């Protein structure tokens, strides 16, 4: 639950830098099936998954019931 980050209110990332670009693209397809739009975002020499602003509310709604209390701050504003 701690391999993601938030920068501001609308920039949500999955820290997937250690996955291959091919596997991250595959994960993007699965996210799309859940109705989540995301793109690869270059972070120094590696890529990570960044959710588009249009999907942030849906992402929060999907995660809300699965986060343990100490991790809820990641999606709350």
N, C-alpha and C. Protein backbone atom coordinates (compact mmCIF):
# COMPACT_ATOMS: atom_id res chain seq x y z
N UNK A 1 0.81 -1.21 0.00
CA UNK A 1 0.00 0.00 0.00
C UNK A 1 0.85 1.26 0.00
N UNK A 2 2.14 1.10 0.09
CA UNK A 2 2.97 2.28 0.19
C UNK A 2 3.86 2.47 -1.03
N UNK A 3 3.51 1.89 -2.15
CA UNK A 3 4.34 2.08 -3.33
C UNK A 3 3.67 3.00 -4.34
N UNK A 4 3.14 4.07 -3.83
CA UNK A 4 2.53 5.09 -4.65
C UNK A 4 2.78 6.43 -4.00
N UNK A 5 2.44 7.48 -4.71
CA UNK A 5 2.64 8.80 -4.12
C UNK A 5 1.63 9.77 -4.69
N UNK A 6 1.51 10.88 -4.00
CA UNK A 6 0.62 11.94 -4.42
C UNK A 6 1.43 13.24 -4.36
N UNK A 7 1.27 14.01 -5.39
CA UNK A 7 1.93 15.31 -5.45
C UNK A 7 0.82 16.33 -5.71
N UNK A 8 0.45 17.07 -4.69
CA UNK A 8 -0.69 17.98 -4.83
C UNK A 8 -1.98 17.20 -4.70
N UNK A 9 -3.07 17.79 -5.17
CA UNK A 9 -4.38 17.15 -5.04
C UNK A 9 -4.72 16.22 -6.18
N UNK A 10 -4.05 16.37 -7.32
CA UNK A 10 -4.49 15.61 -8.49
C UNK A 10 -3.40 14.81 -9.19
N UNK A 11 -2.20 14.75 -8.66
CA UNK A 11 -1.14 13.96 -9.28
C UNK A 11 -0.89 12.71 -8.44
N UNK A 12 -1.37 11.59 -8.94
CA UNK A 12 -1.20 10.31 -8.26
C UNK A 12 -0.33 9.40 -9.11
N UNK A 13 0.62 8.75 -8.46
CA UNK A 13 1.58 7.90 -9.16
C UNK A 13 1.64 6.53 -8.52
N UNK A 14 1.97 5.53 -9.34
CA UNK A 14 2.38 4.23 -8.85
C UNK A 14 3.88 4.15 -9.11
N UNK A 15 4.64 3.85 -8.09
CA UNK A 15 6.09 3.78 -8.23
C UNK A 15 6.49 2.43 -8.84
N UNK A 16 6.35 2.35 -10.13
CA UNK A 16 6.59 1.12 -10.88
C UNK A 16 7.92 1.16 -11.63
N UNK A 17 8.84 2.01 -11.18
CA UNK A 17 10.09 2.22 -11.89
C UNK A 17 10.91 0.95 -12.09
N UNK A 18 10.77 -0.02 -11.23
CA UNK A 18 11.58 -1.23 -11.35
C UNK A 18 10.93 -2.31 -12.24
N UNK A 19 9.73 -2.04 -12.74
CA UNK A 19 9.11 -2.94 -13.70
C UNK A 19 9.55 -2.56 -15.10
N UNK A 20 9.56 -3.51 -15.99
CA UNK A 20 9.92 -3.21 -17.38
C UNK A 20 8.86 -2.31 -18.00
N UNK A 21 9.25 -1.57 -19.00
CA UNK A 21 8.30 -0.69 -19.68
C UNK A 21 7.16 -1.52 -20.28
N UNK A 22 7.49 -2.68 -20.82
CA UNK A 22 6.48 -3.57 -21.41
C UNK A 22 5.45 -3.98 -20.36
N UNK A 23 5.90 -4.37 -19.17
CA UNK A 23 4.97 -4.77 -18.11
C UNK A 23 4.15 -3.60 -17.60
N UNK A 24 4.72 -2.41 -17.57
CA UNK A 24 3.96 -1.24 -17.16
C UNK A 24 2.88 -0.92 -18.18
N UNK A 25 3.19 -1.09 -19.46
CA UNK A 25 2.19 -0.86 -20.51
C UNK A 25 1.05 -1.88 -20.39
N UNK A 26 1.39 -3.10 -20.01
CA UNK A 26 0.38 -4.13 -19.78
C UNK A 26 -0.53 -3.73 -18.61
N UNK A 27 0.08 -3.22 -17.55
CA UNK A 27 -0.69 -2.77 -16.40
C UNK A 27 -1.59 -1.60 -16.77
N UNK A 28 -1.13 -0.71 -17.63
CA UNK A 28 -1.98 0.39 -18.10
C UNK A 28 -3.25 -0.14 -18.76
N UNK A 29 -3.13 -1.24 -19.48
CA UNK A 29 -4.30 -1.87 -20.11
C UNK A 29 -5.30 -2.37 -19.07
N UNK A 30 -4.80 -2.96 -18.00
CA UNK A 30 -5.69 -3.44 -16.93
C UNK A 30 -6.36 -2.27 -16.21
N UNK A 31 -5.61 -1.20 -16.01
CA UNK A 31 -6.19 -0.02 -15.37
C UNK A 31 -7.30 0.56 -16.24
N UNK A 32 -7.08 0.57 -17.54
CA UNK A 32 -8.09 1.07 -18.48
C UNK A 32 -9.37 0.25 -18.37
N UNK A 33 -9.23 -1.07 -18.20
CA UNK A 33 -10.40 -1.94 -18.05
C UNK A 33 -11.19 -1.59 -16.78
N UNK A 34 -10.52 -1.01 -15.80
CA UNK A 34 -11.19 -0.57 -14.56
C UNK A 34 -11.74 0.85 -14.69
N UNK A 35 -11.59 1.42 -15.87
CA UNK A 35 -12.08 2.78 -16.08
C UNK A 35 -11.12 3.85 -15.61
N UNK A 36 -9.84 3.49 -15.48
CA UNK A 36 -8.83 4.43 -15.01
C UNK A 36 -7.89 4.79 -16.16
N UNK A 37 -7.74 6.08 -16.39
CA UNK A 37 -6.81 6.54 -17.41
C UNK A 37 -5.49 6.90 -16.75
N UNK A 38 -4.42 6.37 -17.30
CA UNK A 38 -3.09 6.63 -16.77
C UNK A 38 -2.10 6.60 -17.93
N UNK A 39 -0.94 7.15 -17.69
CA UNK A 39 0.12 7.20 -18.70
C UNK A 39 1.45 6.89 -18.03
N UNK A 40 2.43 6.55 -18.83
CA UNK A 40 3.78 6.41 -18.30
C UNK A 40 4.38 7.80 -18.19
N UNK A 41 5.05 8.03 -17.08
CA UNK A 41 5.66 9.31 -16.78
C UNK A 41 7.14 9.05 -16.50
N UNK A 42 8.01 9.74 -17.22
CA UNK A 42 9.45 9.52 -17.03
C UNK A 42 9.90 10.17 -15.73
N UNK A 43 10.51 9.38 -14.88
CA UNK A 43 11.04 9.82 -13.60
C UNK A 43 12.54 9.57 -13.63
N UNK A 44 13.30 10.58 -13.96
CA UNK A 44 14.76 10.47 -14.15
C UNK A 44 15.03 9.49 -15.29
N UNK A 45 15.58 8.33 -14.99
CA UNK A 45 15.91 7.35 -16.04
C UNK A 45 14.85 6.28 -16.24
N UNK A 46 13.83 6.29 -15.41
CA UNK A 46 12.84 5.22 -15.42
C UNK A 46 11.44 5.78 -15.63
N UNK A 47 10.51 4.87 -15.89
CA UNK A 47 9.11 5.25 -16.04
C UNK A 47 8.32 4.82 -14.81
N UNK A 48 7.27 5.55 -14.54
CA UNK A 48 6.31 5.18 -13.50
C UNK A 48 4.92 5.51 -14.05
N UNK A 49 3.90 5.01 -13.40
CA UNK A 49 2.53 5.22 -13.87
C UNK A 49 1.94 6.44 -13.17
N UNK A 50 1.41 7.35 -13.99
CA UNK A 50 0.76 8.56 -13.48
C UNK A 50 -0.69 8.53 -13.92
N UNK A 51 -1.60 8.70 -12.97
CA UNK A 51 -3.03 8.73 -13.27
C UNK A 51 -3.42 10.11 -13.79
N UNK A 52 -4.26 10.13 -14.80
CA UNK A 52 -4.74 11.40 -15.33
C UNK A 52 -5.73 12.01 -14.35
N UNK A 53 -5.78 13.31 -14.33
CA UNK A 53 -6.68 14.03 -13.40
C UNK A 53 -8.12 13.54 -13.53
N UNK A 54 -8.52 13.20 -14.74
CA UNK A 54 -9.90 12.75 -14.98
C UNK A 54 -10.21 11.42 -14.28
N UNK A 55 -9.19 10.70 -13.84
CA UNK A 55 -9.40 9.40 -13.20
C UNK A 55 -9.15 9.41 -11.70
N UNK A 56 -8.69 10.50 -11.16
CA UNK A 56 -8.31 10.54 -9.74
C UNK A 56 -9.50 10.25 -8.83
N UNK A 57 -10.64 10.83 -9.08
CA UNK A 57 -11.80 10.56 -8.22
C UNK A 57 -12.20 9.09 -8.27
N UNK A 58 -12.18 8.50 -9.44
CA UNK A 58 -12.52 7.07 -9.57
C UNK A 58 -11.48 6.22 -8.84
N UNK A 59 -10.22 6.56 -8.98
CA UNK A 59 -9.16 5.82 -8.28
C UNK A 59 -9.38 5.85 -6.77
N UNK A 60 -9.66 7.02 -6.24
CA UNK A 60 -9.91 7.16 -4.80
C UNK A 60 -11.10 6.31 -4.37
N UNK A 61 -12.16 6.34 -5.17
CA UNK A 61 -13.37 5.57 -4.86
C UNK A 61 -13.07 4.07 -4.84
N UNK A 62 -12.28 3.60 -5.80
CA UNK A 62 -11.93 2.17 -5.86
C UNK A 62 -11.05 1.75 -4.68
N UNK A 63 -10.16 2.62 -4.24
CA UNK A 63 -9.21 2.27 -3.18
C UNK A 63 -9.76 2.43 -1.77
N UNK A 64 -10.70 3.33 -1.60
CA UNK A 64 -11.16 3.75 -0.27
C UNK A 64 -11.44 2.58 0.67
N UNK A 65 -12.11 1.55 0.22
CA UNK A 65 -12.49 0.44 1.12
C UNK A 65 -11.39 -0.58 1.35
N UNK A 66 -10.28 -0.45 0.66
CA UNK A 66 -9.22 -1.44 0.78
C UNK A 66 -7.99 -0.94 1.54
N UNK A 67 -7.91 0.34 1.77
CA UNK A 67 -6.75 0.90 2.46
C UNK A 67 -6.86 0.74 3.97
N UNK A 68 -5.77 0.34 4.57
CA UNK A 68 -5.74 0.30 6.03
C UNK A 68 -5.74 1.75 6.53
N UNK A 69 -6.22 1.98 7.74
CA UNK A 69 -6.35 3.35 8.25
C UNK A 69 -5.08 4.19 8.15
N UNK A 70 -3.92 3.62 8.40
CA UNK A 70 -2.69 4.42 8.38
C UNK A 70 -2.28 4.86 6.97
N UNK A 71 -2.92 4.32 5.95
CA UNK A 71 -2.59 4.69 4.57
C UNK A 71 -3.66 5.56 3.91
N UNK A 72 -4.75 5.81 4.58
CA UNK A 72 -5.85 6.58 4.00
C UNK A 72 -5.47 8.03 3.68
N UNK A 73 -4.49 8.54 4.38
CA UNK A 73 -4.06 9.92 4.11
C UNK A 73 -3.61 10.09 2.66
N UNK A 74 -3.22 9.02 2.02
CA UNK A 74 -2.74 9.10 0.64
C UNK A 74 -3.83 9.48 -0.35
N UNK A 75 -5.09 9.22 0.01
CA UNK A 75 -6.18 9.56 -0.92
C UNK A 75 -7.10 10.65 -0.38
N UNK A 76 -6.92 10.99 0.88
CA UNK A 76 -7.77 12.04 1.44
C UNK A 76 -7.18 13.40 1.16
N UNK A 77 -8.07 14.40 1.14
CA UNK A 77 -7.59 15.76 0.87
C UNK A 77 -7.72 16.62 2.09
